[in-house]
Amino acid sequence: MISVSSPRFRDGAPLPHGYSCDGGMGNPPLRWSGTSGAKSVALVVDDNGPRSEAEVHWVVFNIDPNTTELAENGVPRGSREGKTTTGKVGYVPPCAPNGNYRFTVYALDAKLDLQQGAPLAETLEHIAGHTIARGRLTASNIE
């Protein structure tokens, strides 16, 4: 089991306003542990709030398995980002004040053979096919 935390918000607490589409701070910093034995790590940020389908705000993959944190508005060196629901590459800050924002860290049994900007469905399928453990930090709503 992977433990995921952030120095900026607790599990179940609101996402700080600065990390929303009105804030301009980029992604929140994250920390995790429990990925030993992984060949790579992936991060998926999505919203499975009360609206229709889950919306993916960020996909980062091929994170070095020895990496245990992600800086504010940062991407780990050597990792790649895939497309989001909007088709953009990179962190797409959430806007819905009543969202349920999930920051899920996956330990994978392989590095993914995907390029920077890979299509969302393909990236999620590869992550799902190689997951050996996962952990999640959830922000309920936006501050």
Protein backbone atom coordinates (compact mmCIF):
# COMPACT_ATOMS: atom_id res chain seq x y z
CA MET A 1 0.00 0.00 0.00
CA ILE A 2 1.33 3.41 -0.95
CA SER A 3 0.92 6.31 1.47
CA VAL A 4 0.29 9.67 -0.25
CA SER A 5 0.32 13.07 1.49
CA SER A 6 0.78 16.77 0.82
CA PRO A 7 2.24 19.48 3.05
CA ARG A 8 -0.56 21.77 1.73
CA PHE A 9 -3.74 19.81 2.53
CA ARG A 10 -4.93 16.73 4.43
CA ASP A 11 -6.83 13.79 2.97
CA GLY A 12 -10.50 14.74 2.72
CA ALA A 13 -9.81 18.47 3.19
CA PRO A 14 -10.46 21.06 0.46
CA LEU A 15 -7.88 21.67 -2.26
CA PRO A 16 -6.23 25.04 -1.50
CA HIS A 17 -7.52 27.76 -3.85
CA GLY A 18 -4.02 28.42 -5.24
CA TYR A 19 -3.99 25.03 -7.00
CA SER A 20 -7.35 25.63 -8.73
CA CYS A 21 -7.90 27.27 -12.13
CA ASP A 22 -8.21 30.63 -10.34
CA GLY A 23 -5.01 30.25 -8.35
CA GLY A 24 -2.06 30.07 -10.72
CA MET A 25 0.22 28.05 -8.40
CA GLY A 26 0.30 24.91 -10.56
CA ASN A 27 0.15 21.48 -8.97
CA PRO A 28 0.31 21.01 -5.20
CA PRO A 29 3.40 19.36 -3.71
CA LEU A 30 3.00 15.65 -2.96
CA ARG A 31 4.95 13.04 -1.00
CA TRP A 32 4.62 9.28 -1.07
CA SER A 33 6.14 6.12 0.36
CA GLY A 34 5.65 2.41 -0.26
CA THR A 35 6.84 2.14 -3.86
CA SER A 36 9.84 -0.11 -3.19
CA GLY A 37 10.10 -2.87 -5.78
CA ALA A 38 8.55 -0.70 -8.48
CA LYS A 39 10.28 -0.19 -11.84
CA SER A 40 8.56 3.20 -12.24
CA VAL A 41 5.88 5.35 -10.62
CA ALA A 42 2.89 7.12 -12.18
CA LEU A 43 0.56 9.83 -10.90
CA VAL A 44 -3.00 10.44 -12.07
CA VAL A 45 -5.04 13.40 -10.85
CA ASP A 46 -8.74 13.13 -11.56
CA ASP A 47 -12.11 14.38 -10.39
CA ASN A 48 -14.87 11.86 -9.82
CA GLY A 49 -17.20 14.49 -8.39
CA PRO A 50 -20.97 14.65 -8.80
CA ARG A 51 -20.92 15.67 -12.46
CA SER A 52 -20.91 13.14 -15.31
CA GLU A 53 -17.68 11.28 -16.13
CA ALA A 54 -14.39 11.40 -14.26
CA GLU A 55 -12.19 14.19 -15.56
CA VAL A 56 -8.43 13.64 -15.68
CA HIS A 57 -6.44 16.77 -14.75
CA TRP A 58 -2.91 15.37 -14.93
CA VAL A 59 -1.01 12.21 -15.88
CA VAL A 60 2.71 11.80 -15.08
CA PHE A 61 4.47 8.51 -15.77
CA ASN A 62 7.95 6.96 -15.83
CA ILE A 63 8.79 8.70 -12.55
CA ASP A 64 12.00 7.24 -11.13
CA PRO A 65 10.99 4.64 -8.49
CA ASN A 66 13.41 6.23 -5.99
CA THR A 67 11.52 9.52 -6.19
CA THR A 68 9.29 10.09 -3.17
CA GLU A 69 8.04 13.62 -3.70
CA LEU A 70 6.82 16.05 -6.28
CA ALA A 71 7.55 19.75 -5.92
CA GLU A 72 4.90 22.44 -6.14
CA ASN A 73 4.38 23.27 -9.82
CA GLY A 74 7.00 20.69 -10.74
CA VAL A 75 7.53 17.49 -12.70
CA PRO A 76 10.15 14.93 -11.63
CA ARG A 77 13.24 14.91 -13.83
CA GLY A 78 13.11 12.22 -16.51
CA SER A 79 9.37 11.62 -16.20
CA ARG A 80 6.82 12.17 -18.96
CA GLU A 81 3.35 13.68 -19.01
CA GLY A 82 0.39 12.36 -20.95
CA LYS A 83 -2.68 14.15 -22.29
CA THR A 84 -5.56 15.05 -19.96
CA THR A 85 -9.30 14.94 -20.60
CA THR A 86 -9.02 18.36 -22.28
CA GLY A 87 -6.25 17.11 -24.59
CA LYS A 88 -3.63 19.33 -22.95
CA VAL A 89 -0.34 17.97 -21.63
CA GLY A 90 0.58 18.96 -18.07
CA TYR A 91 -1.35 19.92 -14.96
CA VAL A 92 -4.80 21.29 -15.79
CA PRO A 93 -5.97 22.98 -12.57
CA PRO A 94 -9.47 22.01 -11.44
CA CYS A 95 -12.27 24.58 -11.49
CA ALA A 96 -15.36 22.85 -10.06
CA PRO A 97 -15.79 24.02 -6.44
CA ASN A 98 -17.64 20.79 -5.53
CA GLY A 99 -15.18 18.33 -7.08
CA ASN A 100 -13.65 15.26 -5.51
CA TYR A 101 -10.01 15.55 -6.59
CA ARG A 102 -8.01 12.32 -6.36
CA PHE A 103 -4.19 12.33 -6.45
CA THR A 104 -3.40 8.65 -7.07
CA VAL A 105 0.18 7.34 -7.07
CA TYR A 106 0.79 4.00 -8.80
CA ALA A 107 3.79 1.68 -8.39
CA LEU A 108 4.38 -0.02 -11.74
CA ASP A 109 6.25 -3.20 -12.67
CA ALA A 110 7.76 -1.56 -15.79
CA LYS A 111 8.63 1.74 -17.39
CA LEU A 112 5.88 2.63 -19.87
CA ASP A 113 6.81 2.59 -23.54
CA LEU A 114 4.92 5.81 -24.24
CA GLN A 115 6.01 9.20 -25.51
CA GLN A 116 5.53 12.61 -23.89
CA GLY A 117 1.95 13.71 -24.70
CA ALA A 118 0.63 10.16 -25.13
CA PRO A 119 -3.17 9.86 -25.57
CA LEU A 120 -5.11 9.63 -22.30
CA ALA A 121 -6.87 6.30 -22.93
CA GLU A 122 -3.61 4.64 -23.95
CA THR A 123 -1.73 6.01 -20.93
CA LEU A 124 -4.43 4.95 -18.45
CA GLU A 125 -4.60 1.48 -20.04
CA HIS A 126 -0.82 1.04 -19.73
CA ILE A 127 -0.84 2.25 -16.10
CA ALA A 128 -3.69 -0.14 -15.24
CA GLY A 129 -1.89 -3.04 -16.90
CA HIS A 130 1.31 -2.54 -14.90
CA THR A 131 0.03 -1.47 -11.45
CA ILE A 132 1.42 -3.46 -8.52
CA ALA A 133 0.33 -1.03 -5.76
CA ARG A 134 -1.45 2.28 -5.42
CA GLY A 135 -2.26 4.96 -2.88
CA ARG A 136 -4.46 8.03 -2.95
CA LEU A 137 -4.86 11.46 -1.42
CA THR A 138 -8.27 13.05 -1.97
CA ALA A 139 -9.23 16.72 -1.80
CA SER A 140 -12.95 17.33 -1.35
CA ASN A 141 -14.01 20.57 -3.02
CA ILE A 142 -11.87 23.69 -3.54
CA GLU A 143 -11.13 26.11 -0.70
